[in-house]
Every structure is written in C-alpha cells, then in structure tokens.
Amino acid sequence: MDMDMSIAALSVDMAQAKTQQQLGISILKEAMETSGEAVAELLENVPVSLDPNLGAAIDIMA
C-alpha cells in the first residue's frame, strides 16, 4: 500500500509541476507579445529621414 501511495503522490507532484511550467510559459509568451507590440509602436513613431543616404557613412580623421 505504501508503494501505491508514493506513486500517486509522485503523479500529483508531476502534474502540479507541469501546470506551473505551463503557466510560466504562458506568462513569458504574453510578456514577449507585449514587448514586441511596444517595440513596433516605438518604431512607428521614429521619424524617417528624407534623405536615404543620410547616416549611411561616417567620416573619421585620424
């Protein structure tokens, strides 16, 4: 009977760990989506240069 109880307890523990892991993954996915949307919004607000060559090269003197 002891062996049956320990197998059942192990099964419950594994199920709880799996649920916690799935919750953590869901939260991380939501955070990634939110940050991706924020970056897209920031990029939309960045003014586009009228001259496409502006900033393409840097002159450096030694």
PDB file of N, CA and C in Angstrom:
ATOM      1  N   MET A   1       0.819  -1.195   0.000  1.00  0.00           N
ATOM      2  CA  MET A   1       0.000   0.000   0.000  1.00  0.00           C
ATOM      3  C   MET A   1       0.863   1.258   0.000  1.00  0.00           C
ATOM      4  N   ASP A   2       2.003   1.190   0.666  1.00  0.00           N
ATOM      5  CA  ASP A   2       2.903   2.342   0.708  1.00  0.00           C
ATOM      6  C   ASP A   2       3.395   2.713  -0.694  1.00  0.00           C
ATOM      7  N   MET A   3       3.684   1.695  -1.489  1.00  0.00           N
ATOM      8  CA  MET A   3       4.195   1.937  -2.837  1.00  0.00           C
ATOM      9  C   MET A   3       3.131   2.624  -3.687  1.00  0.00           C
ATOM     10  N   ASP A   4       1.874   2.216  -3.558  1.00  0.00           N
ATOM     11  CA  ASP A   4       0.784   2.823  -4.323  1.00  0.00           C
ATOM     12  C   ASP A   4       0.616   4.295  -3.955  1.00  0.00           C
ATOM     13  N   MET A   5       0.727   4.596  -2.679  1.00  0.00           N
ATOM     14  CA  MET A   5       0.564   5.973  -2.220  1.00  0.00           C
ATOM     15  C   MET A   5       1.715   6.858  -2.732  1.00  0.00           C
ATOM     16  N   SER A   6       2.928   6.314  -2.722  1.00  0.00           N
ATOM     17  CA  SER A   6       4.046   7.125  -3.182  1.00  0.00           C
ATOM     18  C   SER A   6       3.980   7.349  -4.692  1.00  0.00           C
ATOM     19  N   ILE A   7       3.491   6.396  -5.446  1.00  0.00           N
ATOM     20  CA  ILE A   7       3.320   6.570  -6.889  1.00  0.00           C
ATOM     21  C   ILE A   7       2.237   7.613  -7.156  1.00  0.00           C
ATOM     22  N   ALA A   8       1.157   7.551  -6.399  1.00  0.00           N
ATOM     23  CA  ALA A   8       0.085   8.531  -6.556  1.00  0.00           C
ATOM     24  C   ALA A   8       0.570   9.925  -6.191  1.00  0.00           C
ATOM     25  N   ALA A   9       1.331  10.038  -5.109  1.00  0.00           N
ATOM     26  CA  ALA A   9       1.861  11.333  -4.689  1.00  0.00           C
ATOM     27  C   ALA A   9       2.828  11.876  -5.743  1.00  0.00           C
ATOM     28  N   LEU A  10       3.657  11.014  -6.300  1.00  0.00           N
ATOM     29  CA  LEU A  10       4.585  11.420  -7.352  1.00  0.00           C
ATOM     30  C   LEU A  10       3.819  11.900  -8.581  1.00  0.00           C
ATOM     31  N   SER A  11       2.756  11.211  -8.918  1.00  0.00           N
ATOM     32  CA  SER A  11       1.940  11.605 -10.067  1.00  0.00           C
ATOM     33  C   SER A  11       1.317  12.981  -9.858  1.00  0.00           C
ATOM     34  N   VAL A  12       0.810  13.222  -8.656  1.00  0.00           N
ATOM     35  CA  VAL A  12       0.213  14.526  -8.343  1.00  0.00           C
ATOM     36  C   VAL A  12       1.283  15.615  -8.395  1.00  0.00           C
ATOM     37  N   ASP A  13       2.453  15.340  -7.831  1.00  0.00           N
ATOM     38  CA  ASP A  13       3.544  16.321  -7.846  1.00  0.00           C
ATOM     39  C   ASP A  13       3.979  16.647  -9.271  1.00  0.00           C
ATOM     40  N   MET A  14       4.066  15.624 -10.118  1.00  0.00           N
ATOM     41  CA  MET A  14       4.468  15.845 -11.506  1.00  0.00           C
ATOM     42  C   MET A  14       3.419  16.660 -12.258  1.00  0.00           C
ATOM     43  N   ALA A  15       2.152  16.396 -11.995  1.00  0.00           N
ATOM     44  CA  ALA A  15       1.085  17.152 -12.643  1.00  0.00           C
ATOM     45  C   ALA A  15       1.118  18.614 -12.211  1.00  0.00           C
ATOM     46  N   GLN A  16       1.371  18.870 -10.945  1.00  0.00           N
ATOM     47  CA  GLN A  16       1.464  20.244 -10.450  1.00  0.00           C
ATOM     48  C   GLN A  16       2.665  20.963 -11.066  1.00  0.00           C
ATOM     49  N   ALA A  17       3.781  20.265 -11.178  1.00  0.00           N
ATOM     50  CA  ALA A  17       4.979  20.868 -11.768  1.00  0.00           C
ATOM     51  C   ALA A  17       4.727  21.209 -13.238  1.00  0.00           C
ATOM     52  N   LYS A  18       4.034  20.317 -13.939  1.00  0.00           N
ATOM     53  CA  LYS A  18       3.725  20.567 -15.348  1.00  0.00           C
ATOM     54  C   LYS A  18       2.803  21.780 -15.484  1.00  0.00           C
ATOM     55  N   THR A  19       1.821  21.890 -14.599  1.00  0.00           N
ATOM     56  CA  THR A  19       0.896  23.030 -14.634  1.00  0.00           C
ATOM     57  C   THR A  19       1.636  24.325 -14.355  1.00  0.00           C
ATOM     58  N   GLN A  20       2.540  24.309 -13.379  1.00  0.00           N
ATOM     59  CA  GLN A  20       3.320  25.505 -13.060  1.00  0.00           C
ATOM     60  C   GLN A  20       4.209  25.899 -14.236  1.00  0.00           C
ATOM     61  N   GLN A  21       4.796  24.914 -14.894  1.00  0.00           N
ATOM     62  CA  GLN A  21       5.649  25.197 -16.044  1.00  0.00           C
ATOM     63  C   GLN A  21       4.824  25.796 -17.184  1.00  0.00           C
ATOM     64  N   GLN A  22       3.639  25.253 -17.435  1.00  0.00           N
ATOM     65  CA  GLN A  22       2.779  25.787 -18.486  1.00  0.00           C
ATOM     66  C   GLN A  22       2.350  27.224 -18.171  1.00  0.00           C
ATOM     67  N   LEU A  23       2.083  27.503 -16.918  1.00  0.00           N
ATOM     68  CA  LEU A  23       1.721  28.856 -16.514  1.00  0.00           C
ATOM     69  C   LEU A  23       2.888  29.812 -16.752  1.00  0.00           C
ATOM     70  N   GLY A  24       4.079  29.400 -16.376  1.00  0.00           N
ATOM     71  CA  GLY A  24       5.265  30.221 -16.590  1.00  0.00           C
ATOM     72  C   GLY A  24       5.496  30.502 -18.068  1.00  0.00           C
ATOM     73  N   ILE A  25       5.314  29.506 -18.903  1.00  0.00           N
ATOM     74  CA  ILE A  25       5.480  29.683 -20.346  1.00  0.00           C
ATOM     75  C   ILE A  25       4.431  30.645 -20.884  1.00  0.00           C
ATOM     76  N   SER A  26       3.207  30.524 -20.425  1.00  0.00           N
ATOM     77  CA  SER A  26       2.147  31.423 -20.874  1.00  0.00           C
ATOM     78  C   SER A  26       2.446  32.869 -20.493  1.00  0.00           C
ATOM     79  N   ILE A  27       2.949  33.071 -19.292  1.00  0.00           N
ATOM     80  CA  ILE A  27       3.278  34.420 -18.841  1.00  0.00           C
ATOM     81  C   ILE A  27       4.431  34.994 -19.677  1.00  0.00           C
ATOM     82  N   LEU A  28       5.441  34.178 -19.964  1.00  0.00           N
ATOM     83  CA  LEU A  28       6.558  34.640 -20.784  1.00  0.00           C
ATOM     84  C   LEU A  28       6.105  34.979 -22.201  1.00  0.00           C
ATOM     85  N   LYS A  29       5.212  34.168 -22.772  1.00  0.00           N
ATOM     86  CA  LYS A  29       4.701  34.457 -24.112  1.00  0.00           C
ATOM     87  C   LYS A  29       3.957  35.783 -24.131  1.00  0.00           C
ATOM     88  N   GLU A  30       3.146  36.008 -23.111  1.00  0.00           N
ATOM     89  CA  GLU A  30       2.395  37.272 -23.021  1.00  0.00           C
ATOM     90  C   GLU A  30       3.356  38.454 -22.911  1.00  0.00           C
ATOM     91  N   ALA A  31       4.410  38.298 -22.104  1.00  0.00           N
ATOM     92  CA  ALA A  31       5.392  39.376 -21.949  1.00  0.00           C
ATOM     93  C   ALA A  31       6.114  39.644 -23.269  1.00  0.00           C
ATOM     94  N   MET A  32       6.441  38.590 -24.012  1.00  0.00           N
ATOM     95  CA  MET A  32       7.116  38.762 -25.298  1.00  0.00           C
ATOM     96  C   MET A  32       6.206  39.469 -26.298  1.00  0.00           C
ATOM     97  N   GLU A  33       4.937  39.110 -26.325  1.00  0.00           N
ATOM     98  CA  GLU A  33       3.995  39.756 -27.230  1.00  0.00           C
ATOM     99  C   GLU A  33       3.841  41.233 -26.884  1.00  0.00           C
ATOM    100  N   THR A  34       3.741  41.525 -25.603  1.00  0.00           N
ATOM    101  CA  THR A  34       3.578  42.907 -25.154  1.00  0.00           C
ATOM    102  C   THR A  34       4.807  43.736 -25.516  1.00  0.00           C
ATOM    103  N   SER A  35       5.992  43.184 -25.277  1.00  0.00           N
ATOM    104  CA  SER A  35       7.210  43.938 -25.601  1.00  0.00           C
ATOM    105  C   SER A  35       7.360  44.090 -27.109  1.00  0.00           C
ATOM    106  N   GLY A  36       6.950  43.092 -27.869  1.00  0.00           N
ATOM    107  CA  GLY A  36       7.009  43.197 -29.321  1.00  0.00           C
ATOM    108  C   GLY A  36       6.094  44.290 -29.837  1.00  0.00           C
ATOM    109  N   GLU A  37       4.913  44.396 -29.252  1.00  0.00           N
ATOM    110  CA  GLU A  37       3.968  45.448 -29.641  1.00  0.00           C
ATOM    111  C   GLU A  37       4.537  46.825 -29.273  1.00  0.00           C
ATOM    112  N   ALA A  38       5.188  46.915 -28.122  1.00  0.00           N
ATOM    113  CA  ALA A  38       5.773  48.193 -27.695  1.00  0.00           C
ATOM    114  C   ALA A  38       6.891  48.609 -28.643  1.00  0.00           C
ATOM    115  N   VAL A  39       7.714  47.671 -29.054  1.00  0.00           N
ATOM    116  CA  VAL A  39       8.799  47.985 -29.991  1.00  0.00           C
ATOM    117  C   VAL A  39       8.224  48.430 -31.332  1.00  0.00           C
ATOM    118  N   ALA A  40       7.202  47.739 -31.804  1.00  0.00           N
ATOM    119  CA  ALA A  40       6.580  48.121 -33.072  1.00  0.00           C
ATOM    120  C   ALA A  40       6.004  49.529 -32.993  1.00  0.00           C
ATOM    121  N   GLU A  41       5.393  49.849 -31.871  1.00  0.00           N
ATOM    122  CA  GLU A  41       4.835  51.189 -31.693  1.00  0.00           C
ATOM    123  C   GLU A  41       5.942  52.247 -31.671  1.00  0.00           C
ATOM    124  N   LEU A  42       7.043  51.944 -30.999  1.00  0.00           N
ATOM    125  CA  LEU A  42       8.162  52.886 -30.968  1.00  0.00           C
ATOM    126  C   LEU A  42       8.743  53.097 -32.364  1.00  0.00           C
ATOM    127  N   LEU A  43       8.880  52.026 -33.120  1.00  0.00           N
ATOM    128  CA  LEU A  43       9.434  52.149 -34.463  1.00  0.00           C
ATOM    129  C   LEU A  43       8.517  52.935 -35.390  1.00  0.00           C
ATOM    130  N   GLU A  44       7.216  52.836 -35.168  1.00  0.00           N
ATOM    131  CA  GLU A  44       6.278  53.610 -35.974  1.00  0.00           C
ATOM    132  C   GLU A  44       6.435  55.108 -35.712  1.00  0.00           C
ATOM    133  N   ASN A  45       6.831  55.456 -34.500  1.00  0.00           N
ATOM    134  CA  ASN A  45       6.942  56.857 -34.124  1.00  0.00           C
ATOM    135  C   ASN A  45       8.299  57.476 -34.458  1.00  0.00           C
ATOM    136  N   VAL A  46       9.240  56.662 -34.918  1.00  0.00           N
ATOM    137  CA  VAL A  46      10.553  57.187 -35.275  1.00  0.00           C
ATOM    138  C   VAL A  46      10.434  57.878 -36.630  1.00  0.00           C
ATOM    139  N   PRO A  47      10.860  59.133 -36.698  1.00  0.00           N
ATOM    140  CA  PRO A  47      10.749  59.838 -37.973  1.00  0.00           C
ATOM    141  C   PRO A  47      11.706  59.252 -39.010  1.00  0.00           C
ATOM    142  N   VAL A  48      11.217  59.146 -40.224  1.00  0.00           N
ATOM    143  CA  VAL A  48      12.028  58.613 -41.316  1.00  0.00           C
ATOM    144  C   VAL A  48      12.761  59.787 -41.967  1.00  0.00           C
ATOM    145  N   SER A  49      14.046  59.604 -42.231  1.00  0.00           N
ATOM    146  CA  SER A  49      14.844  60.658 -42.854  1.00  0.00           C
ATOM    147  C   SER A  49      14.386  60.876 -44.292  1.00  0.00           C
ATOM    148  N   LEU A  50      14.377  62.122 -44.721  1.00  0.00           N
ATOM    149  CA  LEU A  50      14.011  62.436 -46.096  1.00  0.00           C
ATOM    150  C   LEU A  50      15.114  62.028 -47.063  1.00  0.00           C
ATOM    151  N   ASP A  51      16.354  62.012 -46.585  1.00  0.00           N
ATOM    152  CA  ASP A  51      17.483  61.617 -47.417  1.00  0.00           C
ATOM    153  C   ASP A  51      17.906  60.199 -47.022  1.00  0.00           C
ATOM    154  N   PRO A  52      17.718  59.207 -47.893  1.00  0.00           N
ATOM    155  CA  PRO A  52      18.053  57.827 -47.519  1.00  0.00           C
ATOM    156  C   PRO A  52      19.548  57.591 -47.313  1.00  0.00           C
ATOM    157  N   ASN A  53      20.396  58.489 -47.850  1.00  0.00           N
ATOM    158  CA  ASN A  53      21.841  58.333 -47.676  1.00  0.00           C
ATOM    159  C   ASN A  53      22.356  58.968 -46.393  1.00  0.00           C
ATOM    160  N   LEU A  54      21.512  59.727 -45.736  1.00  0.00           N
ATOM    161  CA  LEU A  54      21.918  60.409 -44.516  1.00  0.00           C
ATOM    162  C   LEU A  54      22.151  59.367 -43.405  1.00  0.00           C
ATOM    163  N   GLY A  55      23.332  59.415 -42.843  1.00  0.00           N
ATOM    164  CA  GLY A  55      23.667  58.476 -41.764  1.00  0.00           C
ATOM    165  C   GLY A  55      24.202  57.146 -42.254  1.00  0.00           C
ATOM    166  N   ALA A  56      24.398  57.007 -43.556  1.00  0.00           N
ATOM    167  CA  ALA A  56      24.889  55.746 -44.094  1.00  0.00           C
ATOM    168  C   ALA A  56      26.407  55.620 -43.943  1.00  0.00           C
ATOM    169  N   ALA A  57      27.109  56.737 -43.796  1.00  0.00           N
ATOM    170  CA  ALA A  57      28.558  56.694 -43.680  1.00  0.00           C
ATOM    171  C   ALA A  57      29.022  57.715 -42.645  1.00  0.00           C
ATOM    172  N   ILE A  58      30.168  57.423 -42.050  1.00  0.00           N
ATOM    173  CA  ILE A  58      30.751  58.316 -41.061  1.00  0.00           C
ATOM    174  C   ILE A  58      32.181  58.652 -41.499  1.00  0.00           C
ATOM    175  N   ASP A  59      32.502  59.951 -41.583  1.00  0.00           N
ATOM    176  CA  ASP A  59      33.868  60.365 -41.921  1.00  0.00           C
ATOM    177  C   ASP A  59      34.668  60.466 -40.622  1.00  0.00           C
ATOM    178  N   ILE A  60      35.809  59.785 -40.613  1.00  0.00           N
ATOM    179  CA  ILE A  60      36.674  59.794 -39.425  1.00  0.00           C
ATOM    180  C   ILE A  60      38.068  60.236 -39.842  1.00  0.00           C
ATOM    181  N   MET A  61      38.644  61.184 -39.103  1.00  0.00           N
ATOM    182  CA  MET A  61      40.011  61.625 -39.366  1.00  0.00           C
ATOM    183  C   MET A  61      40.887  61.192 -38.203  1.00  0.00           C
ATOM    184  N   ALA A  62      42.060  60.653 -38.547  1.00  0.00           N
ATOM    185  CA  ALA A  62      42.979  60.191 -37.517  1.00  0.00           C
ATOM    186  C   ALA A  62      43.933  61.285 -37.106  1.00  0.00           C
TER     187      ALA A  62
END
